Amino acid sequence: MSPLEQVLAAAKSISGSGKVPSLALIKAKLGNSVPMPILIQGLQQFKSMPQDLIDQLPEISVTQKKAKPKEEQSEIAELKQEIEQLKAAYKEMSERLNSLEKNNQDRAKK
């Protein structure tokens, strides 16, 4: 099934559930796998179709899997690593600040 056919099928499914198909609803149904220009084209085409052609469209009943693609998993791993680095830098700066404040207090006492 081509991306445009997926958009049309998703629009039919949304329409069949009593809602008016919109870009947001179609995108939510299909996920991020379909580019925005094709979503727009498909929605416009669906709105201009006569009912008999809409009835012939296949229907998408289940939303696609929400499994994380490898790109997202590697991005999450990078973000976790960056958080750990930031925590370490924060701890180091906090210790240095405490040391500087202690030295400042010691000088003030003299």
PDB file of N, CA and C in Angstrom:
ATOM      1  N   MET A   1       0.847  -1.173   0.000  1.00  0.00           N
ATOM      2  CA  MET A   1       0.000   0.000   0.000  1.00  0.00           C
ATOM      3  C   MET A   1       0.894   1.238   0.000  1.00  0.00           C
ATOM      4  N   SER A   2       0.654   2.137  -0.937  1.00  0.00           N
ATOM      5  CA  SER A   2       1.464   3.347  -1.047  1.00  0.00           C
ATOM      6  C   SER A   2       1.123   4.305   0.097  1.00  0.00           C
ATOM      7  N   PRO A   3       2.012   5.262   0.383  1.00  0.00           N
ATOM      8  CA  PRO A   3       1.720   6.232   1.451  1.00  0.00           C
ATOM      9  C   PRO A   3       0.409   6.991   1.216  1.00  0.00           C
ATOM     10  N   LEU A   4       0.141   7.348  -0.032  1.00  0.00           N
ATOM     11  CA  LEU A   4      -1.101   8.061  -0.340  1.00  0.00           C
ATOM     12  C   LEU A   4      -2.312   7.172  -0.056  1.00  0.00           C
ATOM     13  N   GLU A   5      -2.222   5.892  -0.416  1.00  0.00           N
ATOM     14  CA  GLU A   5      -3.310   4.959  -0.126  1.00  0.00           C
ATOM     15  C   GLU A   5      -3.500   4.788   1.379  1.00  0.00           C
ATOM     16  N   GLN A   6      -2.383   4.803   2.132  1.00  0.00           N
ATOM     17  CA  GLN A   6      -2.476   4.713   3.592  1.00  0.00           C
ATOM     18  C   GLN A   6      -3.226   5.911   4.162  1.00  0.00           C
ATOM     19  N   VAL A   7      -2.928   7.091   3.626  1.00  0.00           N
ATOM     20  CA  VAL A   7      -3.606   8.308   4.085  1.00  0.00           C
ATOM     21  C   VAL A   7      -5.100   8.226   3.784  1.00  0.00           C
ATOM     22  N   LEU A   8      -5.438   7.797   2.575  1.00  0.00           N
ATOM     23  CA  LEU A   8      -6.848   7.666   2.203  1.00  0.00           C
ATOM     24  C   LEU A   8      -7.567   6.646   3.085  1.00  0.00           C
ATOM     25  N   ALA A   9      -6.912   5.516   3.334  1.00  0.00           N
ATOM     26  CA  ALA A   9      -7.512   4.484   4.178  1.00  0.00           C
ATOM     27  C   ALA A   9      -7.683   4.984   5.614  1.00  0.00           C
ATOM     28  N   ALA A  10      -6.705   5.722   6.114  1.00  0.00           N
ATOM     29  CA  ALA A  10      -6.808   6.272   7.465  1.00  0.00           C
ATOM     30  C   ALA A  10      -7.942   7.287   7.544  1.00  0.00           C
ATOM     31  N   ALA A  11      -8.078   8.120   6.505  1.00  0.00           N
ATOM     32  CA  ALA A  11      -9.163   9.109   6.477  1.00  0.00           C
ATOM     33  C   ALA A  11     -10.514   8.404   6.471  1.00  0.00           C
ATOM     34  N   LYS A  12     -10.619   7.310   5.707  1.00  0.00           N
ATOM     35  CA  LYS A  12     -11.876   6.552   5.670  1.00  0.00           C
ATOM     36  C   LYS A  12     -12.182   5.965   7.049  1.00  0.00           C
ATOM     37  N   SER A  13     -11.166   5.435   7.687  1.00  0.00           N
ATOM     38  CA  SER A  13     -11.346   4.840   9.005  1.00  0.00           C
ATOM     39  C   SER A  13     -11.801   5.890  10.023  1.00  0.00           C
ATOM     40  N   ILE A  14     -11.189   7.057   9.972  1.00  0.00           N
ATOM     41  CA  ILE A  14     -11.554   8.143  10.888  1.00  0.00           C
ATOM     42  C   ILE A  14     -12.985   8.598  10.613  1.00  0.00           C
ATOM     43  N   SER A  15     -13.289   8.745   9.330  1.00  0.00           N
ATOM     44  CA  SER A  15     -14.635   9.150   8.932  1.00  0.00           C
ATOM     45  C   SER A  15     -15.665   8.115   9.374  1.00  0.00           C
ATOM     46  N   GLY A  16     -15.313   6.856   9.265  1.00  0.00           N
ATOM     47  CA  GLY A  16     -16.209   5.773   9.668  1.00  0.00           C
ATOM     48  C   GLY A  16     -16.473   5.741  11.155  1.00  0.00           C
ATOM     49  N   SER A  17     -15.562   6.308  11.950  1.00  0.00           N
ATOM     50  CA  SER A  17     -15.770   6.333  13.399  1.00  0.00           C
ATOM     51  C   SER A  17     -16.560   7.560  13.837  1.00  0.00           C
ATOM     52  N   GLY A  18     -17.064   8.335  12.849  1.00  0.00           N
ATOM     53  CA  GLY A  18     -17.914   9.469  13.173  1.00  0.00           C
ATOM     54  C   GLY A  18     -17.181  10.786  13.338  1.00  0.00           C
ATOM     55  N   LYS A  19     -15.887  10.803  13.048  1.00  0.00           N
ATOM     56  CA  LYS A  19     -15.102  12.031  13.168  1.00  0.00           C
ATOM     57  C   LYS A  19     -14.808  12.582  11.786  1.00  0.00           C
ATOM     58  N   VAL A  20     -14.511  13.869  11.737  1.00  0.00           N
ATOM     59  CA  VAL A  20     -14.124  14.494  10.479  1.00  0.00           C
ATOM     60  C   VAL A  20     -12.612  14.333  10.330  1.00  0.00           C
ATOM     61  N   PRO A  21     -12.141  13.710   9.252  1.00  0.00           N
ATOM     62  CA  PRO A  21     -10.702  13.521   9.076  1.00  0.00           C
ATOM     63  C   PRO A  21      -9.960  14.866   9.036  1.00  0.00           C
ATOM     64  N   SER A  22      -8.849  14.935   9.754  1.00  0.00           N
ATOM     65  CA  SER A  22      -8.001  16.119   9.755  1.00  0.00           C
ATOM     66  C   SER A  22      -6.554  15.650   9.685  1.00  0.00           C
ATOM     67  N   LEU A  23      -5.669  16.586   9.402  1.00  0.00           N
ATOM     68  CA  LEU A  23      -4.242  16.227   9.343  1.00  0.00           C
ATOM     69  C   LEU A  23      -3.779  15.620  10.658  1.00  0.00           C
ATOM     70  N   ALA A  24      -4.186  16.230  11.760  1.00  0.00           N
ATOM     71  CA  ALA A  24      -3.753  15.740  13.071  1.00  0.00           C
ATOM     72  C   ALA A  24      -4.246  14.321  13.335  1.00  0.00           C
ATOM     73  N   LEU A  25      -5.510  14.051  13.031  1.00  0.00           N
ATOM     74  CA  LEU A  25      -6.051  12.714  13.272  1.00  0.00           C
ATOM     75  C   LEU A  25      -5.397  11.666  12.376  1.00  0.00           C
ATOM     76  N   ILE A  26      -5.166  12.041  11.114  1.00  0.00           N
ATOM     77  CA  ILE A  26      -4.530  11.096  10.191  1.00  0.00           C
ATOM     78  C   ILE A  26      -3.090  10.829  10.618  1.00  0.00           C
ATOM     79  N   LYS A  27      -2.380  11.876  10.997  1.00  0.00           N
ATOM     80  CA  LYS A  27      -0.990  11.712  11.436  1.00  0.00           C
ATOM     81  C   LYS A  27      -0.922  10.851  12.695  1.00  0.00           C
ATOM     82  N   ALA A  28      -1.864  11.059  13.600  1.00  0.00           N
ATOM     83  CA  ALA A  28      -1.894  10.238  14.813  1.00  0.00           C
ATOM     84  C   ALA A  28      -2.174   8.778  14.470  1.00  0.00           C
ATOM     85  N   LYS A  29      -2.999   8.555  13.489  1.00  0.00           N
ATOM     86  CA  LYS A  29      -3.363   7.187  13.087  1.00  0.00           C
ATOM     87  C   LYS A  29      -2.187   6.481  12.410  1.00  0.00           C
ATOM     88  N   LEU A  30      -1.442   7.236  11.574  1.00  0.00           N
ATOM     89  CA  LEU A  30      -0.366   6.623  10.792  1.00  0.00           C
ATOM     90  C   LEU A  30       1.008   6.746  11.438  1.00  0.00           C
ATOM     91  N   GLY A  31       1.168   7.632  12.385  1.00  0.00           N
ATOM     92  CA  GLY A  31       2.483   7.871  12.958  1.00  0.00           C
ATOM     93  C   GLY A  31       3.269   8.819  12.073  1.00  0.00           C
ATOM     94  N   ASN A  32       4.570   8.853  12.264  1.00  0.00           N
ATOM     95  CA  ASN A  32       5.423   9.783  11.519  1.00  0.00           C
ATOM     96  C   ASN A  32       5.987   9.168  10.241  1.00  0.00           C
ATOM     97  N   SER A  33       5.407   8.083   9.780  1.00  0.00           N
ATOM     98  CA  SER A  33       5.976   7.392   8.623  1.00  0.00           C
ATOM     99  C   SER A  33       5.622   8.052   7.294  1.00  0.00           C
ATOM    100  N   VAL A  34       4.626   8.936   7.297  1.00  0.00           N
ATOM    101  CA  VAL A  34       4.174   9.557   6.047  1.00  0.00           C
ATOM    102  C   VAL A  34       4.543  11.037   6.062  1.00  0.00           C
ATOM    103  N   PRO A  35       5.220  11.524   5.008  1.00  0.00           N
ATOM    104  CA  PRO A  35       5.596  12.939   4.955  1.00  0.00           C
ATOM    105  C   PRO A  35       4.367  13.859   4.901  1.00  0.00           C
ATOM    106  N   MET A  36       4.520  15.053   5.444  1.00  0.00           N
ATOM    107  CA  MET A  36       3.424  16.010   5.526  1.00  0.00           C
ATOM    108  C   MET A  36       2.804  16.341   4.159  1.00  0.00           C
ATOM    109  N   PRO A  37       3.606  16.555   3.083  1.00  0.00           N
ATOM    110  CA  PRO A  37       2.969  16.853   1.798  1.00  0.00           C
ATOM    111  C   PRO A  37       2.018  15.750   1.319  1.00  0.00           C
ATOM    112  N   ILE A  38       2.366  14.497   1.598  1.00  0.00           N
ATOM    113  CA  ILE A  38       1.495  13.389   1.196  1.00  0.00           C
ATOM    114  C   ILE A  38       0.245  13.352   2.073  1.00  0.00           C
ATOM    115  N   LEU A  39       0.401  13.689   3.357  1.00  0.00           N
ATOM    116  CA  LEU A  39      -0.768  13.775   4.235  1.00  0.00           C
ATOM    117  C   LEU A  39      -1.748  14.818   3.708  1.00  0.00           C
ATOM    118  N   ILE A  40      -1.220  15.974   3.353  1.00  0.00           N
ATOM    119  CA  ILE A  40      -2.069  17.063   2.842  1.00  0.00           C
ATOM    120  C   ILE A  40      -2.749  16.649   1.537  1.00  0.00           C
ATOM    121  N   GLN A  41      -1.958  16.092   0.619  1.00  0.00           N
ATOM    122  CA  GLN A  41      -2.502  15.656  -0.667  1.00  0.00           C
ATOM    123  C   GLN A  41      -3.595  14.610  -0.469  1.00  0.00           C
ATOM    124  N   GLY A  42      -3.335  13.653   0.401  1.00  0.00           N
ATOM    125  CA  GLY A  42      -4.304  12.588   0.644  1.00  0.00           C
ATOM    126  C   GLY A  42      -5.589  13.105   1.263  1.00  0.00           C
ATOM    127  N   LEU A  43      -5.468  14.029   2.214  1.00  0.00           N
ATOM    128  CA  LEU A  43      -6.665  14.585   2.851  1.00  0.00           C
ATOM    129  C   LEU A  43      -7.492  15.382   1.845  1.00  0.00           C
ATOM    130  N   GLN A  44      -6.820  16.189   1.026  1.00  0.00           N
ATOM    131  CA  GLN A  44      -7.541  16.949   0.003  1.00  0.00           C
ATOM    132  C   GLN A  44      -8.244  16.016  -0.980  1.00  0.00           C
ATOM    133  N   GLN A  45      -7.539  14.960  -1.378  1.00  0.00           N
ATOM    134  CA  GLN A  45      -8.124  14.004  -2.315  1.00  0.00           C
ATOM    135  C   GLN A  45      -9.333  13.313  -1.683  1.00  0.00           C
ATOM    136  N   PHE A  46      -9.193  12.930  -0.415  1.00  0.00           N
ATOM    137  CA  PHE A  46     -10.300  12.253   0.278  1.00  0.00           C
ATOM    138  C   PHE A  46     -11.524  13.154   0.348  1.00  0.00           C
ATOM    139  N   LYS A  47     -11.320  14.425   0.668  1.00  0.00           N
ATOM    140  CA  LYS A  47     -12.447  15.351   0.805  1.00  0.00           C
ATOM    141  C   LYS A  47     -13.162  15.590  -0.524  1.00  0.00           C
ATOM    142  N   SER A  48     -12.439  15.413  -1.629  1.00  0.00           N
ATOM    143  CA  SER A  48     -13.057  15.666  -2.927  1.00  0.00           C
ATOM    144  C   SER A  48     -13.641  14.400  -3.564  1.00  0.00           C
ATOM    145  N   MET A  49     -13.482  13.253  -2.910  1.00  0.00           N
ATOM    146  CA  MET A  49     -13.966  11.984  -3.471  1.00  0.00           C
ATOM    147  C   MET A  49     -15.463  11.815  -3.244  1.00  0.00           C
ATOM    148  N   PRO A  50     -16.158  11.242  -4.236  1.00  0.00           N
ATOM    149  CA  PRO A  50     -17.564  10.898  -4.012  1.00  0.00           C
ATOM    150  C   PRO A  50     -17.668   9.702  -3.062  1.00  0.00           C
ATOM    151  N   GLN A  51     -18.804   9.569  -2.414  1.00  0.00           N
ATOM    152  CA  GLN A  51     -18.986   8.535  -1.394  1.00  0.00           C
ATOM    153  C   GLN A  51     -18.788   7.118  -1.939  1.00  0.00           C
ATOM    154  N   ASP A  52     -19.162   6.860  -3.179  1.00  0.00           N
ATOM    155  CA  ASP A  52     -19.010   5.499  -3.711  1.00  0.00           C
ATOM    156  C   ASP A  52     -17.539   5.107  -3.829  1.00  0.00           C
ATOM    157  N   LEU A  53     -16.661   6.071  -4.151  1.00  0.00           N
ATOM    158  CA  LEU A  53     -15.223   5.771  -4.190  1.00  0.00           C
ATOM    159  C   LEU A  53     -14.648   5.614  -2.785  1.00  0.00           C
ATOM    160  N   ILE A  54     -15.161   6.392  -1.858  1.00  0.00           N
ATOM    161  CA  ILE A  54     -14.711   6.267  -0.466  1.00  0.00           C
ATOM    162  C   ILE A  54     -15.051   4.879   0.068  1.00  0.00           C
ATOM    163  N   ASP A  55     -16.224   4.389  -0.285  1.00  0.00           N
ATOM    164  CA  ASP A  55     -16.649   3.060   0.170  1.00  0.00           C
ATOM    165  C   ASP A  55     -15.739   1.946  -0.353  1.00  0.00           C
ATOM    166  N   GLN A  56     -15.100   2.183  -1.480  1.00  0.00           N
ATOM    167  CA  GLN A  56     -14.219   1.172  -2.077  1.00  0.00           C
ATOM    168  C   GLN A  56     -12.818   1.169  -1.455  1.00  0.00           C
ATOM    169  N   LEU A  57     -12.489   2.202  -0.698  1.00  0.00           N
ATOM    170  CA  LEU A  57     -11.158   2.275  -0.089  1.00  0.00           C
ATOM    171  C   LEU A  57     -11.005   1.217   0.999  1.00  0.00           C
ATOM    172  N   PRO A  58      -9.786   0.673   1.147  1.00  0.00           N
ATOM    173  CA  PRO A  58      -9.547  -0.228   2.278  1.00  0.00           C
ATOM    174  C   PRO A  58      -9.561   0.580   3.573  1.00  0.00           C
ATOM    175  N   GLU A  59      -9.769  -0.096   4.681  1.00  0.00           N
ATOM    176  CA  GLU A  59      -9.833   0.606   5.962  1.00  0.00           C
ATOM    177  C   GLU A  59      -8.688   0.157   6.853  1.00  0.00           C
ATOM    178  N   ILE A  60      -8.113   1.094   7.564  1.00  0.00           N
ATOM    179  CA  ILE A  60      -7.069   0.781   8.544  1.00  0.00           C
ATOM    180  C   ILE A  60      -7.760   0.741   9.892  1.00  0.00           C
ATOM    181  N   SER A  61      -7.749  -0.419  10.526  1.00  0.00           N
ATOM    182  CA  SER A  61      -8.467  -0.544  11.785  1.00  0.00           C
ATOM    183  C   SER A  61      -7.559  -0.402  12.999  1.00  0.00           C
ATOM    184  N   VAL A  62      -6.279  -0.735  12.854  1.00  0.00           N
ATOM    185  CA  VAL A  62      -5.362  -0.698  13.985  1.00  0.00           C
ATOM    186  C   VAL A  62      -4.255   0.292  13.676  1.00  0.00           C
ATOM    187  N   THR A  63      -3.927   1.129  14.653  1.00  0.00           N
ATOM    188  CA  THR A  63      -2.816   2.050  14.452  1.00  0.00           C
ATOM    189  C   THR A  63      -1.520   1.262  14.404  1.00  0.00           C
ATOM    190  N   GLN A  64      -0.531   1.830  13.744  1.00  0.00           N
ATOM    191  CA  GLN A  64       0.734   1.133  13.589  1.00  0.00           C
ATOM    192  C   GLN A  64       1.432   0.984  14.937  1.00  0.00           C
ATOM    193  N   LYS A  65       2.369   0.038  14.992  1.00  0.00           N
ATOM    194  CA  LYS A  65       3.109  -0.209  16.216  1.00  0.00           C
ATOM    195  C   LYS A  65       3.841   1.047  16.650  1.00  0.00           C
ATOM    196  N   LYS A  66       3.955   1.202  17.950  1.00  0.00           N
ATOM    197  CA  LYS A  66       4.644   2.358  18.503  1.00  0.00           C
ATOM    198  C   LYS A  66       6.072   1.981  18.911  1.00  0.00           C
ATOM    199  N   ALA A  67       6.631   0.974  18.273  1.00  0.00           N
ATOM    200  CA  ALA A  67       7.993   0.562  18.588  1.00  0.00           C
ATOM    201  C   ALA A  67       8.964   1.675  18.242  1.00  0.00           C
ATOM    202  N   LYS A  68       9.993   1.800  19.058  1.00  0.00           N
ATOM    203  CA  LYS A  68      10.967   2.855  18.839  1.00  0.00           C
ATOM    204  C   LYS A  68      11.925   2.453  17.722  1.00  0.00           C
ATOM    205  N   PRO A  69      12.038   3.277  16.705  1.00  0.00           N
ATOM    206  CA  PRO A  69      13.024   2.996  15.670  1.00  0.00           C
ATOM    207  C   PRO A  69      14.439   3.123  16.237  1.00  0.00           C
ATOM    208  N   LYS A  70      15.388   2.547  15.524  1.00  0.00           N
ATOM    209  CA  LYS A  70      16.779   2.578  15.986  1.00  0.00           C
ATOM    210  C   LYS A  70      17.264   4.001  16.184  1.00  0.00           C
ATOM    211  N   GLU A  71      16.805   4.934  15.324  1.00  0.00           N
ATOM    212  CA  GLU A  71      17.219   6.328  15.461  1.00  0.00           C
ATOM    213  C   GLU A  71      16.816   6.885  16.824  1.00  0.00           C
ATOM    214  N   GLU A  72      15.584   6.623  17.234  1.00  0.00           N
ATOM    215  CA  GLU A  72      15.107   7.125  18.518  1.00  0.00           C
ATOM    216  C   GLU A  72      15.865   6.477  19.665  1.00  0.00           C
ATOM    217  N   GLN A  73      16.139   5.189  19.553  1.00  0.00           N
ATOM    218  CA  GLN A  73      16.862   4.501  20.617  1.00  0.00           C
ATOM    219  C   GLN A  73      18.266   5.059  20.767  1.00  0.00           C
ATOM    220  N   SER A  74      18.952   5.328  19.647  1.00  0.00           N
ATOM    221  CA  SER A  74      20.306   5.870  19.744  1.00  0.00           C
ATOM    222  C   SER A  74      20.262   7.299  20.262  1.00  0.00           C
ATOM    223  N   GLU A  75      19.239   8.054  19.897  1.00  0.00           N
ATOM    224  CA  GLU A  75      19.104   9.425  20.397  1.00  0.00           C
ATOM    225  C   GLU A  75      18.870   9.412  21.905  1.00  0.00           C
ATOM    226  N   ILE A  76      18.061   8.485  22.377  1.00  0.00           N
ATOM    227  CA  ILE A  76      17.807   8.366  23.815  1.00  0.00           C
ATOM    228  C   ILE A  76      19.089   8.006  24.541  1.00  0.00           C
ATOM    229  N   ALA A  77      19.878   7.084  23.982  1.00  0.00           N
ATOM    230  CA  ALA A  77      21.144   6.701  24.601  1.00  0.00           C
ATOM    231  C   ALA A  77      22.090   7.898  24.675  1.00  0.00           C
ATOM    232  N   GLU A  78      22.134   8.698  23.604  1.00  0.00           N
ATOM    233  CA  GLU A  78      22.989   9.891  23.601  1.00  0.00           C
ATOM    234  C   GLU A  78      22.530  10.891  24.662  1.00  0.00           C
ATOM    235  N   LEU A  79      21.222  11.065  24.792  1.00  0.00           N
ATOM    236  CA  LEU A  79      20.698  12.002  25.786  1.00  0.00           C
ATOM    237  C   LEU A  79      20.996  11.524  27.208  1.00  0.00           C
ATOM    238  N   LYS A  80      20.884  10.217  27.441  1.00  0.00           N
ATOM    239  CA  LYS A  80      21.224   9.679  28.761  1.00  0.00           C
ATOM    240  C   LYS A  80      22.690   9.924  29.087  1.00  0.00           C
ATOM    241  N   GLN A  81      23.557   9.723  28.101  1.00  0.00           N
ATOM    242  CA  GLN A  81      24.982   9.952  28.302  1.00  0.00           C
ATOM    243  C   GLN A  81      25.242  11.434  28.598  1.00  0.00           C
ATOM    244  N   GLU A  82      24.564  12.310  27.874  1.00  0.00           N
ATOM    245  CA  GLU A  82      24.733  13.746  28.091  1.00  0.00           C
ATOM    246  C   GLU A  82      24.258  14.139  29.489  1.00  0.00           C
ATOM    247  N   ILE A  83      23.169  13.540  29.955  1.00  0.00           N
ATOM    248  CA  ILE A  83      22.671  13.823  31.300  1.00  0.00           C
ATOM    249  C   ILE A  83      23.702  13.413  32.340  1.00  0.00           C
ATOM    250  N   GLU A  84      24.301  12.242  32.154  1.00  0.00           N
ATOM    251  CA  GLU A  84      25.324  11.784  33.090  1.00  0.00           C
ATOM    252  C   GLU A  84      26.515  12.740  33.112  1.00  0.00           C
ATOM    253  N   GLN A  85      26.922  13.223  31.939  1.00  0.00           N
ATOM    254  CA  GLN A  85      28.024  14.180  31.867  1.00  0.00           C
ATOM    255  C   GLN A  85      27.658  15.483  32.576  1.00  0.00           C
ATOM    256  N   LEU A  86      26.437  15.940  32.388  1.00  0.00           N
ATOM    257  CA  LEU A  86      25.992  17.167  33.051  1.00  0.00           C
ATOM    258  C   LEU A  86      25.928  16.992  34.563  1.00  0.00           C
ATOM    259  N   LYS A  87      25.485  15.830  35.018  1.00  0.00           N
ATOM    260  CA  LYS A  87      25.455  15.556  36.457  1.00  0.00           C
ATOM    261  C   LYS A  87      26.867  15.592  37.043  1.00  0.00           C
ATOM    262  N   ALA A  88      27.812  14.986  36.327  1.00  0.00           N
ATOM    263  CA  ALA A  88      29.193  14.970  36.799  1.00  0.00           C
ATOM    264  C   ALA A  88      29.765  16.390  36.839  1.00  0.00           C
ATOM    265  N   ALA A  89      29.489  17.181  35.810  1.00  0.00           N
ATOM    266  CA  ALA A  89      29.973  18.558  35.773  1.00  0.00           C
ATOM    267  C   ALA A  89      29.343  19.378  36.895  1.00  0.00           C
ATOM    268  N   TYR A  90      28.058  19.170  37.157  1.00  0.00           N
ATOM    269  CA  TYR A  90      27.372  19.873  38.237  1.00  0.00           C
ATOM    270  C   TYR A  90      27.999  19.525  39.586  1.00  0.00           C
ATOM    271  N   LYS A  91      28.259  18.250  39.793  1.00  0.00           N
ATOM    272  CA  LYS A  91      28.855  17.810  41.061  1.00  0.00           C
ATOM    273  C   LYS A  91      30.229  18.446  41.245  1.00  0.00           C
ATOM    274  N   GLU A  92      31.025  18.451  40.191  1.00  0.00           N
ATOM    275  CA  GLU A  92      32.363  19.040  40.247  1.00  0.00           C
ATOM    276  C   GLU A  92      32.282  20.540  40.550  1.00  0.00           C
ATOM    277  N   MET A  93      31.373  21.236  39.896  1.00  0.00           N
ATOM    278  CA  MET A  93      31.234  22.677  40.120  1.00  0.00           C
ATOM    279  C   MET A  93      30.718  22.961  41.527  1.00  0.00           C
ATOM    280  N   SER A  94      29.818  22.126  42.026  1.00  0.00           N
ATOM    281  CA  SER A  94      29.287  22.296  43.369  1.00  0.00           C
ATOM    282  C   SER A  94      30.400  22.117  44.408  1.00  0.00           C
ATOM    283  N   GLU A  95      31.238  21.104  44.225  1.00  0.00           N
ATOM    284  CA  GLU A  95      32.355  20.872  45.136  1.00  0.00           C
ATOM    285  C   GLU A  95      33.347  22.035  45.085  1.00  0.00           C
ATOM    286  N   ARG A  96      33.598  22.547  43.885  1.00  0.00           N
ATOM    287  CA  ARG A  96      34.528  23.672  43.739  1.00  0.00           C
ATOM    288  C   ARG A  96      33.964  24.923  44.409  1.00  0.00           C
ATOM    289  N   LEU A  97      32.659  25.161  44.255  1.00  0.00           N
ATOM    290  CA  LEU A  97      32.023  26.305  44.891  1.00  0.00           C
ATOM    291  C   LEU A  97      32.121  26.193  46.406  1.00  0.00           C
ATOM    292  N   ASN A  98      31.836  25.011  46.938  1.00  0.00           N
ATOM    293  CA  ASN A  98      31.937  24.805  48.385  1.00  0.00           C
ATOM    294  C   ASN A  98      33.355  25.067  48.871  1.00  0.00           C
ATOM    295  N   SER A  99      34.341  24.615  48.108  1.00  0.00           N
ATOM    296  CA  SER A  99      35.742  24.831  48.471  1.00  0.00           C
ATOM    297  C   SER A  99      36.083  26.318  48.453  1.00  0.00           C
ATOM    298  N   LEU A 100      35.640  27.014  47.435  1.00  0.00           N
ATOM    299  CA  LEU A 100      35.902  28.455  47.339  1.00  0.00           C
ATOM    300  C   LEU A 100      35.224  29.224  48.472  1.00  0.00           C
ATOM    301  N   GLU A 101      33.997  28.853  48.802  1.00  0.00           N
ATOM    302  CA  GLU A 101      33.300  29.517  49.896  1.00  0.00           C
ATOM    303  C   GLU A 101      33.991  29.262  51.226  1.00  0.00           C
ATOM    304  N   LYS A 102      34.509  28.055  51.424  1.00  0.00           N
ATOM    305  CA  LYS A 102      35.223  27.729  52.661  1.00  0.00           C
ATOM    306  C   LYS A 102      36.504  28.555  52.755  1.00  0.00           C
ATOM    307  N   ASN A 103      37.236  28.637  51.627  1.00  0.00           N
ATOM    308  CA  ASN A 103      38.459  29.448  51.617  1.00  0.00           C
ATOM    309  C   ASN A 103      38.143  30.912  51.888  1.00  0.00           C
ATOM    310  N   ASN A 104      37.053  31.396  51.358  1.00  0.00           N
ATOM    311  CA  ASN A 104      36.638  32.783  51.556  1.00  0.00           C
ATOM    312  C   ASN A 104      36.303  33.032  53.024  1.00  0.00           C
ATOM    313  N   GLN A 105      35.640  32.075  53.666  1.00  0.00           N
ATOM    314  CA  GLN A 105      35.297  32.203  55.080  1.00  0.00           C
ATOM    315  C   GLN A 105      36.556  32.168  55.929  1.00  0.00           C
ATOM    316  N   ASP A 106      37.511  31.300  55.572  1.00  0.00           N
ATOM    317  CA  ASP A 106      38.759  31.211  56.317  1.00  0.00           C
ATOM    318  C   ASP A 106      39.533  32.522  56.231  1.00  0.00           C
ATOM    319  N   ARG A 107      39.535  33.155  55.084  1.00  0.00           N
ATOM    320  CA  ARG A 107      40.235  34.459  54.917  1.00  0.00           C
ATOM    321  C   ARG A 107      39.546  35.542  55.733  1.00  0.00           C
ATOM    322  N   ALA A 108      38.212  35.467  55.789  1.00  0.00           N
ATOM    323  CA  ALA A 108      37.467  36.497  56.527  1.00  0.00           C
ATOM    324  C   ALA A 108      37.746  36.399  58.033  1.00  0.00           C
ATOM    325  N   LYS A 109      38.019  35.214  58.529  1.00  0.00           N
ATOM    326  CA  LYS A 109      38.292  35.006  59.941  1.00  0.00           C
ATOM    327  C   LYS A 109      39.659  35.561  60.327  1.00  0.00           C
ATOM    328  N   LYS A 110      40.594  35.635  59.393  1.00  0.00           N
ATOM    329  CA  LYS A 110      41.955  36.089  59.693  1.00  0.00           C
ATOM    330  C   LYS A 110      42.045  37.542  59.819  1.00  0.00           C
TER     331      LYS A 110
END
